[in-house]
Amino acid sequence: MTDFTNDTSMPRKRHMTASQREYYAYFAIIFVATLPLAVLTWTLTAVRQLALPSRGPVKSAWSQAQIITPRIFSA
């Protein structure tokens, strides 16, 4: 018979708390909301300068969501 009570090779499941789920939900909503504007801004900048901007639209929207979401939770 095998004893699995002290088996450390299996990773433990981590459960997200309610506040973490809420944070990720807000982050996803804000990211999806800022993505169209980031694409529009990126496109207009590329057309005006005839060169691609250094940051892509996804990275720009991601950084905006990283800025806005903690402000919601700190208020």
C-alpha atoms as a PDB file:
ATOM      1  CA  MET A   1       0.000   0.000   0.000  1.00  0.00           C
ATOM      2  CA  THR A   2       1.308   3.440  -0.926  1.00  0.00           C
ATOM      3  CA  ASP A   3       1.179   6.431   1.418  1.00  0.00           C
ATOM      4  CA  PHE A   4       0.261   9.630  -0.460  1.00  0.00           C
ATOM      5  CA  THR A   5      -0.107  11.862   2.603  1.00  0.00           C
ATOM      6  CA  ASN A   6       3.479  13.116   2.399  1.00  0.00           C
ATOM      7  CA  ASP A   7       3.784  13.311  -1.371  1.00  0.00           C
ATOM      8  CA  THR A   8       5.395  16.670  -2.133  1.00  0.00           C
ATOM      9  CA  SER A   9       5.796  16.071  -5.863  1.00  0.00           C
ATOM     10  CA  MET A  10       2.180  17.000  -6.580  1.00  0.00           C
ATOM     11  CA  PRO A  11       1.606  20.751  -6.886  1.00  0.00           C
ATOM     12  CA  ARG A  12      -1.016  22.161  -4.587  1.00  0.00           C
ATOM     13  CA  LYS A  13      -4.052  23.811  -6.069  1.00  0.00           C
ATOM     14  CA  ARG A  14      -4.286  27.467  -5.240  1.00  0.00           C
ATOM     15  CA  HIS A  15      -7.740  28.922  -5.022  1.00  0.00           C
ATOM     16  CA  MET A  16      -8.353  32.532  -5.875  1.00  0.00           C
ATOM     17  CA  THR A  17     -10.083  34.645  -3.300  1.00  0.00           C
ATOM     18  CA  ALA A  18     -13.168  36.645  -4.128  1.00  0.00           C
ATOM     19  CA  SER A  19     -11.204  39.891  -4.273  1.00  0.00           C
ATOM     20  CA  GLN A  20      -8.701  38.381  -6.737  1.00  0.00           C
ATOM     21  CA  ARG A  21     -11.516  37.179  -8.981  1.00  0.00           C
ATOM     22  CA  GLU A  22     -13.109  40.607  -8.809  1.00  0.00           C
ATOM     23  CA  TYR A  23      -9.792  42.295  -9.651  1.00  0.00           C
ATOM     24  CA  TYR A  24      -9.252  40.047 -12.686  1.00  0.00           C
ATOM     25  CA  ALA A  25     -12.832  40.602 -13.825  1.00  0.00           C
ATOM     26  CA  TYR A  26     -12.421  44.388 -13.663  1.00  0.00           C
ATOM     27  CA  PHE A  27      -9.020  44.110 -15.348  1.00  0.00           C
ATOM     28  CA  ALA A  28     -10.520  42.102 -18.229  1.00  0.00           C
ATOM     29  CA  ILE A  29     -13.410  44.537 -18.679  1.00  0.00           C
ATOM     30  CA  ILE A  30     -11.109  47.561 -18.683  1.00  0.00           C
ATOM     31  CA  PHE A  31      -8.650  45.850 -21.046  1.00  0.00           C
ATOM     32  CA  VAL A  32     -11.411  45.025 -23.535  1.00  0.00           C
ATOM     33  CA  ALA A  33     -12.788  48.567 -23.241  1.00  0.00           C
ATOM     34  CA  THR A  34      -9.419  50.250 -23.866  1.00  0.00           C
ATOM     35  CA  LEU A  35      -8.347  47.956 -26.707  1.00  0.00           C
ATOM     36  CA  PRO A  36     -10.366  49.626 -29.533  1.00  0.00           C
ATOM     37  CA  LEU A  37      -9.110  53.075 -28.563  1.00  0.00           C
ATOM     38  CA  ALA A  38      -5.537  51.775 -28.371  1.00  0.00           C
ATOM     39  CA  VAL A  39      -5.872  50.257 -31.856  1.00  0.00           C
ATOM     40  CA  LEU A  40      -7.249  53.533 -33.209  1.00  0.00           C
ATOM     41  CA  THR A  41      -4.460  55.563 -31.587  1.00  0.00           C
ATOM     42  CA  TRP A  42      -1.816  53.139 -32.827  1.00  0.00           C
ATOM     43  CA  THR A  43      -3.217  53.256 -36.376  1.00  0.00           C
ATOM     44  CA  LEU A  44      -3.397  57.050 -36.476  1.00  0.00           C
ATOM     45  CA  THR A  45       0.159  57.352 -35.153  1.00  0.00           C
ATOM     46  CA  ALA A  46       1.421  54.873 -37.748  1.00  0.00           C
ATOM     47  CA  VAL A  47      -0.329  56.746 -40.566  1.00  0.00           C
ATOM     48  CA  ARG A  48       0.920  60.175 -39.449  1.00  0.00           C
ATOM     49  CA  GLN A  49       4.540  59.153 -38.877  1.00  0.00           C
ATOM     50  CA  LEU A  50       4.703  56.524 -41.659  1.00  0.00           C
ATOM     51  CA  ALA A  51       6.360  54.165 -39.174  1.00  0.00           C
ATOM     52  CA  LEU A  52       5.123  51.676 -36.627  1.00  0.00           C
ATOM     53  CA  PRO A  53       5.053  52.920 -33.029  1.00  0.00           C
ATOM     54  CA  SER A  54       7.352  51.167 -30.560  1.00  0.00           C
ATOM     55  CA  ARG A  55       4.487  49.840 -28.429  1.00  0.00           C
ATOM     56  CA  GLY A  56       1.720  47.833 -30.002  1.00  0.00           C
ATOM     57  CA  PRO A  57      -1.961  48.393 -29.306  1.00  0.00           C
ATOM     58  CA  VAL A  58      -2.284  45.343 -27.047  1.00  0.00           C
ATOM     59  CA  LYS A  59       0.636  46.416 -24.877  1.00  0.00           C
ATOM     60  CA  SER A  60      -0.782  49.918 -24.661  1.00  0.00           C
ATOM     61  CA  ALA A  61      -4.242  48.659 -23.636  1.00  0.00           C
ATOM     62  CA  TRP A  62      -2.644  46.258 -21.131  1.00  0.00           C
ATOM     63  CA  SER A  63      -0.669  49.065 -19.497  1.00  0.00           C
ATOM     64  CA  GLN A  64      -3.775  51.268 -19.318  1.00  0.00           C
ATOM     65  CA  ALA A  65      -5.676  48.446 -17.607  1.00  0.00           C
ATOM     66  CA  GLN A  66      -2.768  48.012 -15.175  1.00  0.00           C
ATOM     67  CA  ILE A  67      -2.989  51.712 -14.311  1.00  0.00           C
ATOM     68  CA  ILE A  68      -6.773  52.018 -14.037  1.00  0.00           C
ATOM     69  CA  THR A  69      -7.696  48.807 -12.189  1.00  0.00           C
ATOM     70  CA  PRO A  70      -5.665  49.422  -9.002  1.00  0.00           C
ATOM     71  CA  ARG A  71      -7.112  52.932  -8.823  1.00  0.00           C
ATOM     72  CA  ILE A  72     -10.607  51.448  -8.690  1.00  0.00           C
ATOM     73  CA  PHE A  73      -9.635  49.125  -5.844  1.00  0.00           C
ATOM     74  CA  SER A  74      -7.790  51.794  -3.856  1.00  0.00           C
ATOM     75  CA  ALA A  75     -10.804  54.108  -3.848  1.00  0.00           C
END
